[in-house]
Amino acid sequence: ELVATINSSGGTYYTTSVKGRFTISRDNAKNTVHLQM
């Protein structure tokens, strides 16, 4: 199942069950993505 997404503009989406608990972030320069749970 999809948990979270982040697009090139920084827009985010979260599945309902993790909203308010998880945070997705990205570092474009390093091609990395994080999920704080």
PDB file of all heavy atoms in Angstrom:
ATOM      1  N   GLU A   1       0.828  -1.201   0.000  1.00  0.00           N
ATOM      2  CA  GLU A   1       0.000   0.000   0.000  1.00  0.00           C
ATOM      3  C   GLU A   1       0.864   1.254   0.000  1.00  0.00           C
ATOM      4  O   GLU A   1       1.981   1.273   0.546  1.00  0.00           O
ATOM      5  CB  GLU A   1      -0.939   0.035   1.214  1.00  0.00           C
ATOM      6  CG  GLU A   1      -0.241   0.170   2.552  1.00  0.00           C
ATOM      7  CD  GLU A   1      -1.190   0.494   3.693  1.00  0.00           C
ATOM      8  OE1 GLU A   1      -2.326   0.959   3.439  1.00  0.00           O
ATOM      9  OE2 GLU A   1      -0.777   0.311   4.849  1.00  0.00           O
ATOM     10  N   LEU A   2       0.327   2.307  -0.591  1.00  0.00           N
ATOM     11  CA  LEU A   2       1.003   3.592  -0.618  1.00  0.00           C
ATOM     12  C   LEU A   2       0.887   4.248   0.749  1.00  0.00           C
ATOM     13  O   LEU A   2      -0.213   4.328   1.312  1.00  0.00           O
ATOM     14  CB  LEU A   2       0.376   4.479  -1.693  1.00  0.00           C
ATOM     15  CG  LEU A   2       0.899   5.907  -1.797  1.00  0.00           C
ATOM     16  CD1 LEU A   2       2.362   5.918  -2.178  1.00  0.00           C
ATOM     17  CD2 LEU A   2       0.070   6.691  -2.809  1.00  0.00           C
ATOM     18  N   VAL A   3       2.002   4.735   1.267  1.00  0.00           N
ATOM     19  CA  VAL A   3       2.006   5.394   2.567  1.00  0.00           C
ATOM     20  C   VAL A   3       2.069   6.912   2.408  1.00  0.00           C
ATOM     21  O   VAL A   3       1.275   7.635   3.000  1.00  0.00           O
ATOM     22  CB  VAL A   3       3.215   4.926   3.410  1.00  0.00           C
ATOM     23  CG1 VAL A   3       3.273   5.695   4.729  1.00  0.00           C
ATOM     24  CG2 VAL A   3       3.131   3.425   3.666  1.00  0.00           C
ATOM     25  N   ALA A   4       3.015   7.394   1.610  1.00  0.00           N
ATOM     26  CA  ALA A   4       3.193   8.836   1.462  1.00  0.00           C
ATOM     27  C   ALA A   4       3.956   9.133   0.176  1.00  0.00           C
ATOM     28  O   ALA A   4       4.736   8.305  -0.288  1.00  0.00           O
ATOM     29  CB  ALA A   4       3.955   9.415   2.650  1.00  0.00           C
ATOM     30  N   THR A   5       3.692  10.322  -0.369  1.00  0.00           N
ATOM     31  CA  THR A   5       4.420  10.779  -1.552  1.00  0.00           C
ATOM     32  C   THR A   5       4.839  12.231  -1.381  1.00  0.00           C
ATOM     33  O   THR A   5       4.228  12.982  -0.609  1.00  0.00           O
ATOM     34  CB  THR A   5       3.585  10.678  -2.843  1.00  0.00           C
ATOM     35  OG1 THR A   5       2.499  11.619  -2.772  1.00  0.00           O
ATOM     36  CG2 THR A   5       3.025   9.292  -3.055  1.00  0.00           C
ATOM     37  N   ILE A   6       5.869  12.608  -2.132  1.00  0.00           N
ATOM     38  CA  ILE A   6       6.285  14.004  -2.185  1.00  0.00           C
ATOM     39  C   ILE A   6       6.718  14.296  -3.614  1.00  0.00           C
ATOM     40  O   ILE A   6       7.486  13.538  -4.204  1.00  0.00           O
ATOM     41  CB  ILE A   6       7.404  14.313  -1.165  1.00  0.00           C
ATOM     42  CG1 ILE A   6       7.741  15.812  -1.174  1.00  0.00           C
ATOM     43  CG2 ILE A   6       8.631  13.448  -1.384  1.00  0.00           C
ATOM     44  CD1 ILE A   6       8.576  16.243   0.031  1.00  0.00           C
ATOM     45  N   ASN A   7       6.179  15.389  -4.183  1.00  0.00           N
ATOM     46  CA  ASN A   7       6.499  15.677  -5.571  1.00  0.00           C
ATOM     47  C   ASN A   7       7.643  16.682  -5.666  1.00  0.00           C
ATOM     48  O   ASN A   7       8.211  17.111  -4.654  1.00  0.00           O
ATOM     49  CB  ASN A   7       5.258  16.164  -6.319  1.00  0.00           C
ATOM     50  CG  ASN A   7       4.695  17.464  -5.760  1.00  0.00           C
ATOM     51  OD1 ASN A   7       5.424  18.264  -5.176  1.00  0.00           O
ATOM     52  ND2 ASN A   7       3.405  17.667  -5.937  1.00  0.00           N
ATOM     53  N   SER A   8       7.962  17.065  -6.890  1.00  0.00           N
ATOM     54  CA  SER A   8       9.119  17.927  -7.113  1.00  0.00           C
ATOM     55  C   SER A   8       8.940  19.328  -6.535  1.00  0.00           C
ATOM     56  O   SER A   8       9.922  20.038  -6.309  1.00  0.00           O
ATOM     57  CB  SER A   8       9.424  18.023  -8.615  1.00  0.00           C
ATOM     58  OG  SER A   8       8.289  18.499  -9.317  1.00  0.00           O
ATOM     59  N   SER A   9       7.689  19.707  -6.298  1.00  0.00           N
ATOM     60  CA  SER A   9       7.418  21.021  -5.714  1.00  0.00           C
ATOM     61  C   SER A   9       7.300  20.976  -4.206  1.00  0.00           C
ATOM     62  O   SER A   9       7.068  22.005  -3.578  1.00  0.00           O
ATOM     63  CB  SER A   9       6.118  21.587  -6.298  1.00  0.00           C
ATOM     64  OG  SER A   9       6.219  21.723  -7.697  1.00  0.00           O
ATOM     65  N   GLY A  10       7.429  19.788  -3.638  1.00  0.00           N
ATOM     66  CA  GLY A  10       7.313  19.641  -2.198  1.00  0.00           C
ATOM     67  C   GLY A  10       5.917  19.302  -1.714  1.00  0.00           C
ATOM     68  O   GLY A  10       5.685  19.181  -0.502  1.00  0.00           O
ATOM     69  N   GLY A  11       4.995  19.149  -2.642  1.00  0.00           N
ATOM     70  CA  GLY A  11       3.651  18.767  -2.253  1.00  0.00           C
ATOM     71  C   GLY A  11       3.612  17.340  -1.743  1.00  0.00           C
ATOM     72  O   GLY A  11       4.294  16.470  -2.278  1.00  0.00           O
ATOM     73  N   THR A  12       2.847  17.104  -0.708  1.00  0.00           N
ATOM     74  CA  THR A  12       2.830  15.792  -0.063  1.00  0.00           C
ATOM     75  C   THR A  12       1.435  15.184  -0.043  1.00  0.00           C
ATOM     76  O   THR A  12       0.417  15.882  -0.119  1.00  0.00           O
ATOM     77  CB  THR A  12       3.357  15.874   1.379  1.00  0.00           C
ATOM     78  OG1 THR A  12       2.547  16.802   2.119  1.00  0.00           O
ATOM     79  CG2 THR A  12       4.799  16.327   1.414  1.00  0.00           C
ATOM     80  N   TYR A  13       1.434  13.870   0.067  1.00  0.00           N
ATOM     81  CA  TYR A  13       0.201  13.102   0.253  1.00  0.00           C
ATOM     82  C   TYR A  13       0.481  12.034   1.305  1.00  0.00           C
ATOM     83  O   TYR A  13       1.572  11.463   1.339  1.00  0.00           O
ATOM     84  CB  TYR A  13      -0.216  12.431  -1.057  1.00  0.00           C
ATOM     85  CG  TYR A  13      -1.193  11.289  -0.851  1.00  0.00           C
ATOM     86  CD1 TYR A  13      -2.565  11.529  -0.748  1.00  0.00           C
ATOM     87  CD2 TYR A  13      -0.744   9.975  -0.702  1.00  0.00           C
ATOM     88  CE1 TYR A  13      -3.453  10.495  -0.518  1.00  0.00           C
ATOM     89  CE2 TYR A  13      -1.624   8.942  -0.469  1.00  0.00           C
ATOM     90  CZ  TYR A  13      -2.973   9.205  -0.379  1.00  0.00           C
ATOM     91  OH  TYR A  13      -3.849   8.172  -0.147  1.00  0.00           O
ATOM     92  N   TYR A  14      -0.514  11.776   2.150  1.00  0.00           N
ATOM     93  CA  TYR A  14      -0.409  10.722   3.150  1.00  0.00           C
ATOM     94  C   TYR A  14      -1.670   9.879   3.137  1.00  0.00           C
ATOM     95  O   TYR A  14      -2.777  10.426   3.028  1.00  0.00           O
ATOM     96  CB  TYR A  14      -0.228  11.306   4.552  1.00  0.00           C
ATOM     97  CG  TYR A  14       1.023  12.125   4.726  1.00  0.00           C
ATOM     98  CD1 TYR A  14       1.011  13.505   4.547  1.00  0.00           C
ATOM     99  CD2 TYR A  14       2.231  11.518   5.073  1.00  0.00           C
ATOM    100  CE1 TYR A  14       2.152  14.261   4.691  1.00  0.00           C
ATOM    101  CE2 TYR A  14       3.388  12.268   5.225  1.00  0.00           C
ATOM    102  CZ  TYR A  14       3.342  13.631   5.030  1.00  0.00           C
ATOM    103  OH  TYR A  14       4.488  14.378   5.178  1.00  0.00           O
ATOM    104  N   THR A  15      -1.512   8.593   3.300  1.00  0.00           N
ATOM    105  CA  THR A  15      -2.673   7.763   3.477  1.00  0.00           C
ATOM    106  C   THR A  15      -3.287   8.089   4.826  1.00  0.00           C
ATOM    107  O   THR A  15      -2.601   8.518   5.768  1.00  0.00           O
ATOM    108  CB  THR A  15      -2.306   6.273   3.363  1.00  0.00           C
ATOM    109  OG1 THR A  15      -3.496   5.502   3.231  1.00  0.00           O
ATOM    110  CG2 THR A  15      -1.527   5.789   4.588  1.00  0.00           C
ATOM    111  N   THR A  16      -4.581   7.908   4.938  1.00  0.00           N
ATOM    112  CA  THR A  16      -5.314   8.375   6.116  1.00  0.00           C
ATOM    113  C   THR A  16      -4.742   7.841   7.430  1.00  0.00           C
ATOM    114  O   THR A  16      -4.637   8.584   8.412  1.00  0.00           O
ATOM    115  CB  THR A  16      -6.789   7.975   5.997  1.00  0.00           C
ATOM    116  OG1 THR A  16      -7.334   8.587   4.819  1.00  0.00           O
ATOM    117  CG2 THR A  16      -7.584   8.425   7.215  1.00  0.00           C
ATOM    118  N   SER A  17      -4.350   6.588   7.439  1.00  0.00           N
ATOM    119  CA  SER A  17      -3.934   5.961   8.697  1.00  0.00           C
ATOM    120  C   SER A  17      -2.642   6.533   9.275  1.00  0.00           C
ATOM    121  O   SER A  17      -2.349   6.300  10.450  1.00  0.00           O
ATOM    122  CB  SER A  17      -3.790   4.453   8.499  1.00  0.00           C
ATOM    123  OG  SER A  17      -2.786   4.167   7.545  1.00  0.00           O
ATOM    124  N   VAL A  18      -1.863   7.273   8.482  1.00  0.00           N
ATOM    125  CA  VAL A  18      -0.592   7.803   8.999  1.00  0.00           C
ATOM    126  C   VAL A  18      -0.591   9.325   9.105  1.00  0.00           C
ATOM    127  O   VAL A  18       0.385   9.908   9.587  1.00  0.00           O
ATOM    128  CB  VAL A  18       0.603   7.350   8.134  1.00  0.00           C
ATOM    129  CG1 VAL A  18       0.595   5.840   7.945  1.00  0.00           C
ATOM    130  CG2 VAL A  18       0.652   8.065   6.803  1.00  0.00           C
ATOM    131  N   LYS A  19      -1.669   9.973   8.687  1.00  0.00           N
ATOM    132  CA  LYS A  19      -1.728  11.438   8.764  1.00  0.00           C
ATOM    133  C   LYS A  19      -1.526  11.911  10.193  1.00  0.00           C
ATOM    134  O   LYS A  19      -2.123  11.386  11.118  1.00  0.00           O
ATOM    135  CB  LYS A  19      -3.060  11.933   8.223  1.00  0.00           C
ATOM    136  CG  LYS A  19      -3.170  11.921   6.722  1.00  0.00           C
ATOM    137  CD  LYS A  19      -4.522  12.479   6.265  1.00  0.00           C
ATOM    138  CE  LYS A  19      -4.632  12.460   4.754  1.00  0.00           C
ATOM    139  NZ  LYS A  19      -5.949  12.933   4.285  1.00  0.00           N
ATOM    140  N   GLY A  20      -0.683  12.915  10.338  1.00  0.00           N
ATOM    141  CA  GLY A  20      -0.399  13.461  11.661  1.00  0.00           C
ATOM    142  C   GLY A  20       0.664  12.713  12.426  1.00  0.00           C
ATOM    143  O   GLY A  20       1.123  13.181  13.477  1.00  0.00           O
ATOM    144  N   ARG A  21       1.074  11.541  11.924  1.00  0.00           N
ATOM    145  CA  ARG A  21       2.105  10.762  12.611  1.00  0.00           C
ATOM    146  C   ARG A  21       3.375  10.638  11.774  1.00  0.00           C
ATOM    147  O   ARG A  21       4.476  10.587  12.331  1.00  0.00           O
ATOM    148  CB  ARG A  21       1.576   9.356  12.925  1.00  0.00           C
ATOM    149  CG  ARG A  21       0.334   9.337  13.800  1.00  0.00           C
ATOM    150  CD  ARG A  21      -0.016   7.911  14.245  1.00  0.00           C
ATOM    151  NE  ARG A  21      -0.339   7.047  13.105  1.00  0.00           N
ATOM    152  CZ  ARG A  21       0.307   5.917  12.825  1.00  0.00           C
ATOM    153  NH1 ARG A  21       1.316   5.521  13.585  1.00  0.00           N
ATOM    154  NH2 ARG A  21      -0.061   5.166  11.800  1.00  0.00           N
ATOM    155  N   PHE A  22       3.227  10.561  10.463  1.00  0.00           N
ATOM    156  CA  PHE A  22       4.375  10.384   9.567  1.00  0.00           C
ATOM    157  C   PHE A  22       4.632  11.676   8.799  1.00  0.00           C
ATOM    158  O   PHE A  22       3.697  12.409   8.467  1.00  0.00           O
ATOM    159  CB  PHE A  22       4.119   9.267   8.554  1.00  0.00           C
ATOM    160  CG  PHE A  22       4.064   7.871   9.130  1.00  0.00           C
ATOM    161  CD1 PHE A  22       4.055   7.633  10.490  1.00  0.00           C
ATOM    162  CD2 PHE A  22       4.039   6.784   8.270  1.00  0.00           C
ATOM    163  CE1 PHE A  22       4.009   6.355  11.001  1.00  0.00           C
ATOM    164  CE2 PHE A  22       3.998   5.486   8.758  1.00  0.00           C
ATOM    165  CZ  PHE A  22       3.977   5.275  10.130  1.00  0.00           C
ATOM    166  N   THR A  23       5.902  11.916   8.487  1.00  0.00           N
ATOM    167  CA  THR A  23       6.287  13.061   7.673  1.00  0.00           C
ATOM    168  C   THR A  23       7.295  12.629   6.622  1.00  0.00           C
ATOM    169  O   THR A  23       8.333  12.050   6.952  1.00  0.00           O
ATOM    170  CB  THR A  23       6.903  14.173   8.530  1.00  0.00           C
ATOM    171  OG1 THR A  23       5.972  14.572   9.545  1.00  0.00           O
ATOM    172  CG2 THR A  23       7.243  15.391   7.669  1.00  0.00           C
ATOM    173  N   ILE A  24       6.966  12.909   5.367  1.00  0.00           N
ATOM    174  CA  ILE A  24       7.882  12.591   4.279  1.00  0.00           C
ATOM    175  C   ILE A  24       8.647  13.850   3.888  1.00  0.00           C
ATOM    176  O   ILE A  24       8.093  14.955   3.903  1.00  0.00           O
ATOM    177  CB  ILE A  24       7.116  12.014   3.061  1.00  0.00           C
ATOM    178  CG1 ILE A  24       8.101  11.481   2.008  1.00  0.00           C
ATOM    179  CG2 ILE A  24       6.155  13.025   2.472  1.00  0.00           C
ATOM    180  CD1 ILE A  24       7.410  10.676   0.896  1.00  0.00           C
ATOM    181  N   SER A  25       9.919  13.687   3.571  1.00  0.00           N
ATOM    182  CA  SER A  25      10.731  14.827   3.147  1.00  0.00           C
ATOM    183  C   SER A  25      11.756  14.335   2.127  1.00  0.00           C
ATOM    184  O   SER A  25      12.018  13.139   2.024  1.00  0.00           O
ATOM    185  CB  SER A  25      11.436  15.473   4.341  1.00  0.00           C
ATOM    186  OG  SER A  25      12.297  14.552   4.982  1.00  0.00           O
ATOM    187  N   ARG A  26      12.312  15.281   1.377  1.00  0.00           N
ATOM    188  CA  ARG A  26      13.279  14.889   0.356  1.00  0.00           C
ATOM    189  C   ARG A  26      14.418  15.897   0.288  1.00  0.00           C
ATOM    190  O   ARG A  26      14.243  17.064   0.621  1.00  0.00           O
ATOM    191  CB  ARG A  26      12.608  14.756  -1.012  1.00  0.00           C
ATOM    192  CG  ARG A  26      12.007  16.036  -1.545  1.00  0.00           C
ATOM    193  CD  ARG A  26      11.161  15.782  -2.781  1.00  0.00           C
ATOM    194  NE  ARG A  26      11.956  15.608  -3.977  1.00  0.00           N
ATOM    195  CZ  ARG A  26      11.449  15.318  -5.169  1.00  0.00           C
ATOM    196  NH1 ARG A  26      10.140  15.118  -5.301  1.00  0.00           N
ATOM    197  NH2 ARG A  26      12.228  15.187  -6.225  1.00  0.00           N
ATOM    198  N   ASP A  27      15.557  15.399  -0.150  1.00  0.00           N
ATOM    199  CA  ASP A  27      16.714  16.248  -0.405  1.00  0.00           C
ATOM    200  C   ASP A  27      17.034  16.083  -1.886  1.00  0.00           C
ATOM    201  O   ASP A  27      17.609  15.076  -2.289  1.00  0.00           O
ATOM    202  CB  ASP A  27      17.895  15.823   0.472  1.00  0.00           C
ATOM    203  CG  ASP A  27      19.104  16.730   0.306  1.00  0.00           C
ATOM    204  OD1 ASP A  27      19.288  17.297  -0.799  1.00  0.00           O
ATOM    205  OD2 ASP A  27      19.867  16.865   1.264  1.00  0.00           O
ATOM    206  N   ASN A  28      16.630  17.047  -2.686  1.00  0.00           N
ATOM    207  CA  ASN A  28      16.800  16.925  -4.126  1.00  0.00           C
ATOM    208  C   ASN A  28      18.268  16.837  -4.537  1.00  0.00           C
ATOM    209  O   ASN A  28      18.625  16.108  -5.469  1.00  0.00           O
ATOM    210  CB  ASN A  28      16.141  18.105  -4.831  1.00  0.00           C
ATOM    211  CG  ASN A  28      14.634  18.077  -4.711  1.00  0.00           C
ATOM    212  OD1 ASN A  28      14.034  17.002  -4.653  1.00  0.00           O
ATOM    213  ND2 ASN A  28      14.015  19.237  -4.647  1.00  0.00           N
ATOM    214  N   ALA A  29      19.108  17.563  -3.851  1.00  0.00           N
ATOM    215  CA  ALA A  29      20.529  17.575  -4.218  1.00  0.00           C
ATOM    216  C   ALA A  29      21.177  16.214  -3.992  1.00  0.00           C
ATOM    217  O   ALA A  29      22.116  15.835  -4.696  1.00  0.00           O
ATOM    218  CB  ALA A  29      21.259  18.650  -3.431  1.00  0.00           C
ATOM    219  N   LYS A  30      20.676  15.484  -3.003  1.00  0.00           N
ATOM    220  CA  LYS A  30      21.271  14.191  -2.656  1.00  0.00           C
ATOM    221  C   LYS A  30      20.439  13.013  -3.139  1.00  0.00           C
ATOM    222  O   LYS A  30      20.794  11.865  -2.880  1.00  0.00           O
ATOM    223  CB  LYS A  30      21.462  14.100  -1.143  1.00  0.00           C
ATOM    224  CG  LYS A  30      22.431  15.117  -0.569  1.00  0.00           C
ATOM    225  CD  LYS A  30      22.596  14.935   0.934  1.00  0.00           C
ATOM    226  CE  LYS A  30      23.584  15.935   1.502  1.00  0.00           C
ATOM    227  NZ  LYS A  30      23.743  15.765   2.982  1.00  0.00           N
ATOM    228  N   ASN A  31      19.340  13.303  -3.832  1.00  0.00           N
ATOM    229  CA  ASN A  31      18.472  12.220  -4.316  1.00  0.00           C
ATOM    230  C   ASN A  31      18.072  11.289  -3.179  1.00  0.00           C
ATOM    231  O   ASN A  31      18.140  10.059  -3.304  1.00  0.00           O
ATOM    232  CB  ASN A  31      19.169  11.416  -5.421  1.00  0.00           C
ATOM    233  CG  ASN A  31      19.092  12.102  -6.768  1.00  0.00           C
ATOM    234  OD1 ASN A  31      19.567  11.588  -7.774  1.00  0.00           O
ATOM    235  ND2 ASN A  31      18.499  13.273  -6.814  1.00  0.00           N
ATOM    236  N   THR A  32      17.676  11.859  -2.067  1.00  0.00           N
ATOM    237  CA  THR A  32      17.261  11.050  -0.935  1.00  0.00           C
ATOM    238  C   THR A  32      15.847  11.434  -0.510  1.00  0.00           C
ATOM    239  O   THR A  32      15.404  12.572  -0.730  1.00  0.00           O
ATOM    240  CB  THR A  32      18.204  11.222   0.267  1.00  0.00           C
ATOM    241  OG1 THR A  32      18.217  12.601   0.647  1.00  0.00           O
ATOM    242  CG2 THR A  32      19.603  10.770  -0.057  1.00  0.00           C
ATOM    243  N   VAL A  33      15.185  10.488   0.083  1.00  0.00           N
ATOM    244  CA  VAL A  33      13.853  10.723   0.633  1.00  0.00           C
ATOM    245  C   VAL A  33      13.807  10.075   2.012  1.00  0.00           C
ATOM    246  O   VAL A  33      14.420   9.028   2.239  1.00  0.00           O
ATOM    247  CB  VAL A  33      12.746  10.169  -0.292  1.00  0.00           C
ATOM    248  CG1 VAL A  33      12.872   8.656  -0.480  1.00  0.00           C
ATOM    249  CG2 VAL A  33      11.369  10.541   0.225  1.00  0.00           C
ATOM    250  N   HIS A  34      13.115  10.746   2.939  1.00  0.00           N
ATOM    251  CA  HIS A  34      13.040  10.272   4.305  1.00  0.00           C
ATOM    252  C   HIS A  34      11.586  10.103   4.717  1.00  0.00           C
ATOM    253  O   HIS A  34      10.675  10.740   4.160  1.00  0.00           O
ATOM    254  CB  HIS A  34      13.710  11.269   5.249  1.00  0.00           C
ATOM    255  CG  HIS A  34      15.114  11.619   4.872  1.00  0.00           C
ATOM    256  ND1 HIS A  34      16.186  10.795   5.120  1.00  0.00           N
ATOM    257  CD2 HIS A  34      15.608  12.708   4.228  1.00  0.00           C
ATOM    258  CE1 HIS A  34      17.280  11.360   4.665  1.00  0.00           C
ATOM    259  NE2 HIS A  34      16.967  12.521   4.126  1.00  0.00           N
ATOM    260  N   LEU A  35      11.377   9.261   5.717  1.00  0.00           N
ATOM    261  CA  LEU A  35      10.049   9.104   6.301  1.00  0.00           C
ATOM    262  C   LEU A  35      10.228   9.100   7.811  1.00  0.00           C
ATOM    263  O   LEU A  35      10.745   8.136   8.375  1.00  0.00           O
ATOM    264  CB  LEU A  35       9.375   7.816   5.826  1.00  0.00           C
ATOM    265  CG  LEU A  35       7.936   7.646   6.279  1.00  0.00           C
ATOM    266  CD1 LEU A  35       7.041   8.689   5.591  1.00  0.00           C
ATOM    267  CD2 LEU A  35       7.416   6.243   5.977  1.00  0.00           C
ATOM    268  N   GLN A  36       9.818  10.178   8.441  1.00  0.00           N
ATOM    269  CA  GLN A  36       9.831  10.265   9.895  1.00  0.00           C
ATOM    270  C   GLN A  36       8.532   9.678  10.412  1.00  0.00           C
ATOM    271  O   GLN A  36       7.451  10.158  10.046  1.00  0.00           O
ATOM    272  CB  GLN A  36       9.976  11.714  10.353  1.00  0.00           C
ATOM    273  CG  GLN A  36       9.943  11.900  11.861  1.00  0.00           C
ATOM    274  CD  GLN A  36      11.135  11.275  12.558  1.00  0.00           C
ATOM    275  OE1 GLN A  36      12.261  11.390  12.098  1.00  0.00           O
ATOM    276  NE2 GLN A  36      10.878  10.588  13.666  1.00  0.00           N
ATOM    277  N   MET A  37       8.636   8.656  11.244  1.00  0.00           N
ATOM    278  CA  MET A  37       7.457   7.947  11.737  1.00  0.00           C
ATOM    279  C   MET A  37       7.397   8.091  13.247  1.00  0.00           C
ATOM    280  O   MET A  37       8.296   7.620  13.960  1.00  0.00           O
ATOM    281  CB  MET A  37       7.523   6.473  11.341  1.00  0.00           C
ATOM    282  CG  MET A  37       7.692   6.250   9.849  1.00  0.00           C
ATOM    283  SD  MET A  37       7.593   4.507   9.371  1.00  0.00           S
ATOM    284  CE  MET A  37       9.043   3.866  10.210  1.00  0.00           C
TER     285      MET A  37
END
